[in-house]
Amino acid sequence: MRRATPLILLLLFVAAAVHSFAQTQTQTERDKAAEFADEIKRTPCDSTKRKEAVIALFERMGAPKSAIKTQEFDRGENILITKQGKSTETIFIGAHYDKVDDGCGAIDNWTGILILANIYHSLVNVQTEKTYVFAAFDSEEKGLLGSKFMAKKAKEEKDLKVCSMVNFDSFGFTAPQAPGNMANSKMVRAAKDLAKEVDFVLYSDSIDNGDSDSSAFNDVGIPAITFDGLNATGAKYLHNTNDRVEGIDAASLVSGYSFGNMFIAKLDELSCDAFYKKKKS
């Protein structure tokens, strides 16, 4: 039997929340849902205030100001926070913070930003094997511009060994799903295997005409996956005036956060090239 590491202890702590999405919640899960519900009320509906709100959120989650960096590109500005691990092998964890003109952008994608920041908070003082770059992407709604810029930079950096990328985009209605048209197939299989371990079904149906920042990484050969918490009803709220704070089920965020933590804990144990195509000898 392997000795439990701090990250595995975290995995065990959060495991129950995913399965309990549609069941009776524990007090811990209710408390976390209340935290998310409180945070979602503070969604900045004004696009000009979202960058500052992301930075303030990460500071509340324990990120020192010196650790928060910005990455400018021609049509926006990404926000990066690095959590150093025992090795320089790197996993990107991302969510976009920009929004379309209509609606508040609470579902798409302040929910993803909240999950991203809370995962940072859960890992910041935990010893991990790999290094994590938490990325809040700008200009996703303009064609994945922020993530395309970052993925290209990561691919070009010769001294950076990138293992994979995990993305969170639009929660509030159901337990996590992983659209197959936005994901590396090996990562989807790993996520489904993990879901089975904690006794829930992870759906991977493609979203017609949908895309997200994971595609920018997959396109340059970095294995990536997107998780969302949408159902047929939730999808109707996107990109219109219905995207508001009202109607968001905080339990969906708890479920996405919890499963995200578990999945990242699994990735931390795997070989960095676990999802890459094997080179022919």
Protein backbone atom coordinates (compact mmCIF):
# COMPACT_ATOMS: atom_id res chain seq x y z
CA MET A 1 0.00 0.00 0.00
CA ARG A 2 1.37 3.39 -1.01
CA ARG A 3 1.88 6.07 1.58
CA ALA A 4 -0.71 8.84 1.29
CA THR A 5 0.67 12.17 0.11
CA PRO A 6 -0.89 15.53 1.12
CA LEU A 7 -2.46 15.81 -2.34
CA ILE A 8 -4.07 12.37 -2.07
CA LEU A 9 -5.47 13.33 1.34
CA LEU A 10 -7.04 16.34 -0.37
CA LEU A 11 -8.51 14.03 -3.02
CA LEU A 12 -10.14 11.87 -0.36
CA PHE A 13 -11.53 14.97 1.38
CA VAL A 14 -13.35 16.29 -1.69
CA ALA A 15 -14.44 13.01 -3.32
CA ALA A 16 -17.93 12.84 -1.83
CA ALA A 17 -19.06 16.20 -3.21
CA VAL A 18 -19.19 15.06 -6.84
CA HIS A 19 -21.40 12.06 -6.26
CA SER A 20 -23.69 14.02 -3.94
CA PHE A 21 -24.66 16.71 -6.49
CA ALA A 22 -28.21 15.41 -6.75
CA GLN A 23 -28.26 13.85 -3.29
CA THR A 24 -28.21 15.00 0.32
CA GLN A 25 -25.20 17.21 0.94
CA THR A 26 -22.91 17.03 3.95
CA GLN A 27 -22.43 20.10 6.12
CA THR A 28 -19.01 20.67 4.54
CA GLU A 29 -20.54 20.62 1.05
CA ARG A 30 -23.34 22.96 2.15
CA ASP A 31 -20.76 25.35 3.56
CA LYS A 32 -18.79 25.27 0.30
CA ALA A 33 -21.97 25.82 -1.70
CA ALA A 34 -22.76 28.82 0.49
CA GLU A 35 -19.28 30.21 -0.21
CA PHE A 36 -19.77 29.82 -3.95
CA ALA A 37 -23.27 31.32 -3.76
CA ASP A 38 -21.87 34.34 -1.94
CA GLU A 39 -19.03 34.75 -4.45
CA ILE A 40 -21.31 34.42 -7.48
CA LYS A 41 -23.37 37.36 -6.20
CA ARG A 42 -20.24 39.48 -6.63
CA THR A 43 -19.91 38.69 -10.33
CA PRO A 44 -18.61 41.82 -12.09
CA CYS A 45 -21.05 42.37 -14.93
CA ASP A 46 -19.01 45.31 -16.24
CA SER A 47 -16.31 43.99 -18.60
CA THR A 48 -13.95 46.80 -17.65
CA LYS A 49 -13.91 45.62 -14.03
CA ARG A 50 -13.37 41.90 -14.58
CA LYS A 51 -9.57 41.89 -14.73
CA GLU A 52 -9.28 43.68 -11.38
CA ALA A 53 -11.93 41.37 -9.92
CA VAL A 54 -9.93 38.28 -10.98
CA ILE A 55 -6.81 39.64 -9.31
CA ALA A 56 -8.72 40.52 -6.12
CA LEU A 57 -10.28 37.05 -6.04
CA PHE A 58 -6.92 35.29 -6.28
CA GLU A 59 -5.53 37.53 -3.55
CA ARG A 60 -8.44 36.48 -1.31
CA MET A 61 -7.58 32.87 -2.16
CA GLY A 62 -4.05 33.27 -0.86
CA ALA A 63 -2.04 34.43 -3.88
CA PRO A 64 0.61 37.00 -2.96
CA LYS A 65 0.58 40.09 -5.16
CA SER A 66 4.11 39.26 -6.32
CA ALA A 67 2.89 35.92 -7.74
CA ILE A 68 0.17 37.43 -9.94
CA LYS A 69 1.50 38.23 -13.41
CA THR A 70 -0.12 39.55 -16.56
CA GLN A 71 0.55 38.49 -20.13
CA GLU A 72 -0.37 41.09 -22.71
CA PHE A 73 -1.27 40.29 -26.31
CA ASP A 74 -2.71 42.40 -29.08
CA ARG A 75 -6.37 42.08 -28.05
CA GLY A 76 -6.28 41.44 -24.33
CA GLU A 77 -4.44 40.47 -21.20
CA ASN A 78 -4.14 37.06 -19.55
CA ILE A 79 -3.60 36.70 -15.79
CA LEU A 80 -1.15 34.05 -14.53
CA ILE A 81 -0.43 32.66 -11.08
CA THR A 82 2.22 29.94 -10.75
CA LYS A 83 2.20 27.33 -7.97
CA GLN A 84 5.65 25.76 -7.83
CA GLY A 85 5.94 21.97 -7.49
CA LYS A 86 8.83 19.61 -6.79
CA SER A 87 9.53 19.38 -10.53
CA THR A 88 9.35 21.85 -13.40
CA GLU A 89 6.92 19.59 -15.31
CA THR A 90 3.95 21.90 -15.78
CA ILE A 91 0.17 21.62 -15.97
CA PHE A 92 -1.95 24.60 -17.01
CA ILE A 93 -5.30 25.09 -15.28
CA GLY A 94 -7.49 27.69 -16.92
CA ALA A 95 -10.78 29.55 -17.28
CA HIS A 96 -11.66 32.64 -19.30
CA TYR A 97 -12.74 35.83 -17.58
CA ASP A 98 -14.04 37.85 -20.52
CA LYS A 99 -17.72 37.95 -21.51
CA VAL A 100 -19.93 38.78 -24.46
CA ASP A 101 -21.67 42.17 -24.52
CA ASP A 102 -25.10 40.75 -23.59
CA GLY A 103 -25.81 39.51 -20.08
CA CYS A 104 -23.70 39.55 -16.93
CA GLY A 105 -21.32 36.73 -17.83
CA ALA A 106 -22.02 35.04 -14.52
CA ILE A 107 -22.46 31.56 -15.99
CA ASP A 108 -20.04 32.11 -18.89
CA ASN A 109 -17.63 32.29 -17.33
CA TRP A 110 -17.38 33.76 -13.83
CA THR A 111 -18.36 30.32 -12.54
CA GLY A 112 -15.23 28.89 -14.15
CA ILE A 113 -13.08 31.66 -12.65
CA LEU A 114 -14.48 30.89 -9.19
CA ILE A 115 -13.68 27.19 -9.58
CA LEU A 116 -10.19 28.05 -10.86
CA ALA A 117 -9.42 30.34 -7.92
CA ASN A 118 -10.80 27.88 -5.36
CA ILE A 119 -8.65 25.07 -6.77
CA TYR A 120 -5.66 27.38 -6.44
CA HIS A 121 -6.61 27.98 -2.80
CA SER A 122 -6.80 24.22 -2.16
CA LEU A 123 -3.36 23.59 -3.69
CA VAL A 124 -1.33 26.66 -2.77
CA ASN A 125 0.01 25.18 0.48
CA VAL A 126 0.05 21.54 -0.66
CA GLN A 127 3.24 19.88 -1.84
CA THR A 128 2.76 18.76 -5.43
CA GLU A 129 5.00 16.84 -7.79
CA LYS A 130 4.27 19.11 -10.74
CA THR A 131 4.21 22.87 -11.15
CA TYR A 132 0.84 24.49 -11.91
CA VAL A 133 0.13 27.63 -13.90
CA PHE A 134 -3.32 29.02 -13.12
CA ALA A 135 -4.43 31.04 -16.13
CA ALA A 136 -7.37 33.43 -16.44
CA PHE A 137 -7.73 33.91 -20.18
CA ASP A 138 -8.91 37.05 -21.90
CA SER A 139 -10.71 37.25 -25.28
CA GLU A 140 -12.04 33.70 -25.33
CA GLU A 141 -15.27 35.08 -26.74
CA LYS A 142 -13.35 36.70 -29.61
CA GLY A 143 -11.94 33.39 -30.84
CA LEU A 144 -9.91 31.86 -27.99
CA LEU A 145 -7.34 34.61 -28.49
CA GLY A 146 -5.87 34.59 -24.97
CA SER A 147 -5.45 30.84 -24.77
CA LYS A 148 -4.10 30.64 -28.32
CA PHE A 149 -1.44 33.19 -27.42
CA MET A 150 -0.52 31.35 -24.21
CA ALA A 151 -0.51 27.89 -25.80
CA LYS A 152 1.76 29.09 -28.60
CA LYS A 153 4.14 30.68 -26.08
CA ALA A 154 4.19 27.49 -23.98
CA LYS A 155 4.90 25.34 -27.02
CA GLU A 156 7.76 27.59 -28.12
CA GLU A 157 9.43 27.64 -24.70
CA LYS A 158 12.18 25.04 -25.05
CA ASP A 159 12.89 24.81 -21.31
CA LEU A 160 9.21 24.29 -20.40
CA LYS A 161 7.86 20.74 -20.32
CA VAL A 162 4.06 21.01 -20.43
CA CYS A 163 2.18 17.86 -19.43
CA SER A 164 -1.44 18.89 -20.04
CA MET A 165 -4.10 21.55 -19.61
CA VAL A 166 -7.39 21.48 -17.67
CA ASN A 167 -10.07 24.09 -18.41
CA PHE A 168 -13.28 25.12 -16.62
CA ASP A 169 -16.03 26.86 -18.58
CA SER A 170 -19.65 27.57 -17.61
CA PHE A 171 -21.15 25.87 -14.55
CA GLY A 172 -24.34 26.25 -12.57
CA PHE A 173 -26.73 23.52 -13.70
CA THR A 174 -25.33 20.02 -13.32
CA ALA A 175 -22.38 17.82 -12.35
CA PRO A 176 -19.21 18.05 -14.48
CA GLN A 177 -19.22 17.03 -18.12
CA ALA A 178 -16.32 16.90 -20.60
CA PRO A 179 -17.36 17.71 -24.20
CA GLY A 180 -15.47 15.37 -26.48
CA ASN A 181 -15.02 17.91 -29.28
CA MET A 182 -12.93 20.11 -26.97
CA ALA A 183 -10.74 17.44 -25.39
CA ASN A 184 -7.87 15.04 -25.83
CA SER A 185 -9.46 11.56 -26.01
CA LYS A 186 -6.98 10.05 -23.54
CA MET A 187 -7.79 12.75 -21.00
CA VAL A 188 -11.52 12.11 -21.44
CA ARG A 189 -10.93 8.41 -20.77
CA ALA A 190 -8.90 9.22 -17.64
CA ALA A 191 -11.64 11.56 -16.42
CA LYS A 192 -14.33 8.94 -17.04
CA ASP A 193 -12.31 6.31 -15.17
CA LEU A 194 -11.99 8.67 -12.21
CA ALA A 195 -15.71 9.46 -12.31
CA LYS A 196 -16.47 5.76 -12.21
CA GLU A 197 -14.28 5.40 -9.12
CA VAL A 198 -16.41 7.96 -7.28
CA ASP A 199 -19.65 6.51 -8.65
CA PHE A 200 -21.00 9.01 -11.14
CA VAL A 201 -21.27 9.14 -14.92
CA LEU A 202 -19.17 11.74 -16.72
CA TYR A 203 -20.84 12.59 -20.03
CA SER A 204 -18.68 13.61 -22.97
CA ASP A 205 -21.25 14.51 -25.64
CA SER A 206 -19.98 17.11 -28.07
CA ILE A 207 -21.50 20.60 -27.94
CA ASP A 208 -22.65 21.62 -31.42
CA ASN A 209 -20.93 24.81 -32.57
CA GLY A 210 -19.27 25.05 -29.13
CA ASP A 211 -15.63 25.57 -28.31
CA SER A 212 -13.44 26.54 -25.37
CA ASP A 213 -9.87 27.33 -24.41
CA SER A 214 -8.78 23.70 -24.21
CA SER A 215 -8.94 23.60 -28.02
CA ALA A 216 -6.15 26.17 -28.27
CA PHE A 217 -3.83 23.82 -26.40
CA ASN A 218 -4.94 20.70 -28.25
CA ASP A 219 -4.33 22.51 -31.54
CA VAL A 220 -0.62 22.97 -30.74
CA GLY A 221 -0.25 19.39 -29.49
CA ILE A 222 -0.68 19.94 -25.73
CA PRO A 223 -3.28 17.48 -24.34
CA ALA A 224 -6.20 19.41 -22.87
CA ILE A 225 -9.73 18.94 -21.57
CA THR A 226 -12.65 21.24 -20.70
CA PHE A 227 -15.15 20.59 -17.92
CA ASP A 228 -18.52 22.35 -17.85
CA GLY A 229 -21.64 22.16 -15.72
CA LEU A 230 -24.30 22.75 -18.34
CA ASN A 231 -27.43 20.87 -19.31
CA ALA A 232 -29.89 21.60 -22.11
CA THR A 233 -31.51 24.35 -20.06
CA GLY A 234 -28.22 25.92 -19.04
CA ALA A 235 -26.96 26.10 -22.61
CA LYS A 236 -29.88 28.39 -23.47
CA TYR A 237 -28.58 30.97 -21.00
CA LEU A 238 -25.28 31.49 -22.79
CA HIS A 239 -24.39 34.51 -24.92
CA ASN A 240 -27.58 36.43 -24.23
CA THR A 241 -29.24 38.63 -21.63
CA ASN A 242 -30.32 35.56 -19.63
CA ASP A 243 -26.73 34.99 -18.44
CA ARG A 244 -27.28 36.40 -14.96
CA VAL A 245 -26.55 35.42 -11.37
CA GLU A 246 -30.11 34.28 -10.78
CA GLY A 247 -30.75 30.61 -11.42
CA ILE A 248 -27.19 29.37 -10.87
CA ASP A 249 -27.11 26.28 -8.66
CA ALA A 250 -24.04 26.60 -6.44
CA ALA A 251 -23.98 22.80 -6.03
CA SER A 252 -22.81 22.60 -9.65
CA LEU A 253 -19.79 24.73 -8.76
CA VAL A 254 -19.01 22.58 -5.72
CA SER A 255 -19.20 19.49 -7.91
CA GLY A 256 -16.95 21.00 -10.58
CA TYR A 257 -14.45 22.22 -8.00
CA SER A 258 -14.37 18.87 -6.21
CA PHE A 259 -14.00 16.76 -9.35
CA GLY A 260 -11.44 19.20 -10.69
CA ASN A 261 -9.37 18.78 -7.55
CA MET A 262 -9.56 15.00 -7.81
CA PHE A 263 -8.64 14.98 -11.49
CA ILE A 264 -5.67 17.27 -10.89
CA ALA A 265 -4.52 15.03 -8.04
CA LYS A 266 -4.52 12.12 -10.47
CA LEU A 267 -2.59 14.12 -13.05
CA ASP A 268 -0.01 15.01 -10.43
CA GLU A 269 0.83 11.30 -10.07
CA LEU A 270 0.96 10.46 -13.77
CA SER A 271 3.93 10.63 -16.09
CA CYS A 272 4.11 14.00 -17.84
CA ASP A 273 3.74 12.33 -21.24
CA ALA A 274 0.77 10.17 -20.21
CA PHE A 275 -1.60 11.77 -22.74
CA TYR A 276 0.81 12.34 -25.59
CA LYS A 277 0.92 10.07 -28.61
CA LYS A 278 3.67 7.50 -28.29
CA LYS A 279 6.48 8.06 -30.77
CA LYS A 280 7.13 5.21 -33.16
CA SER A 281 10.46 3.53 -32.55
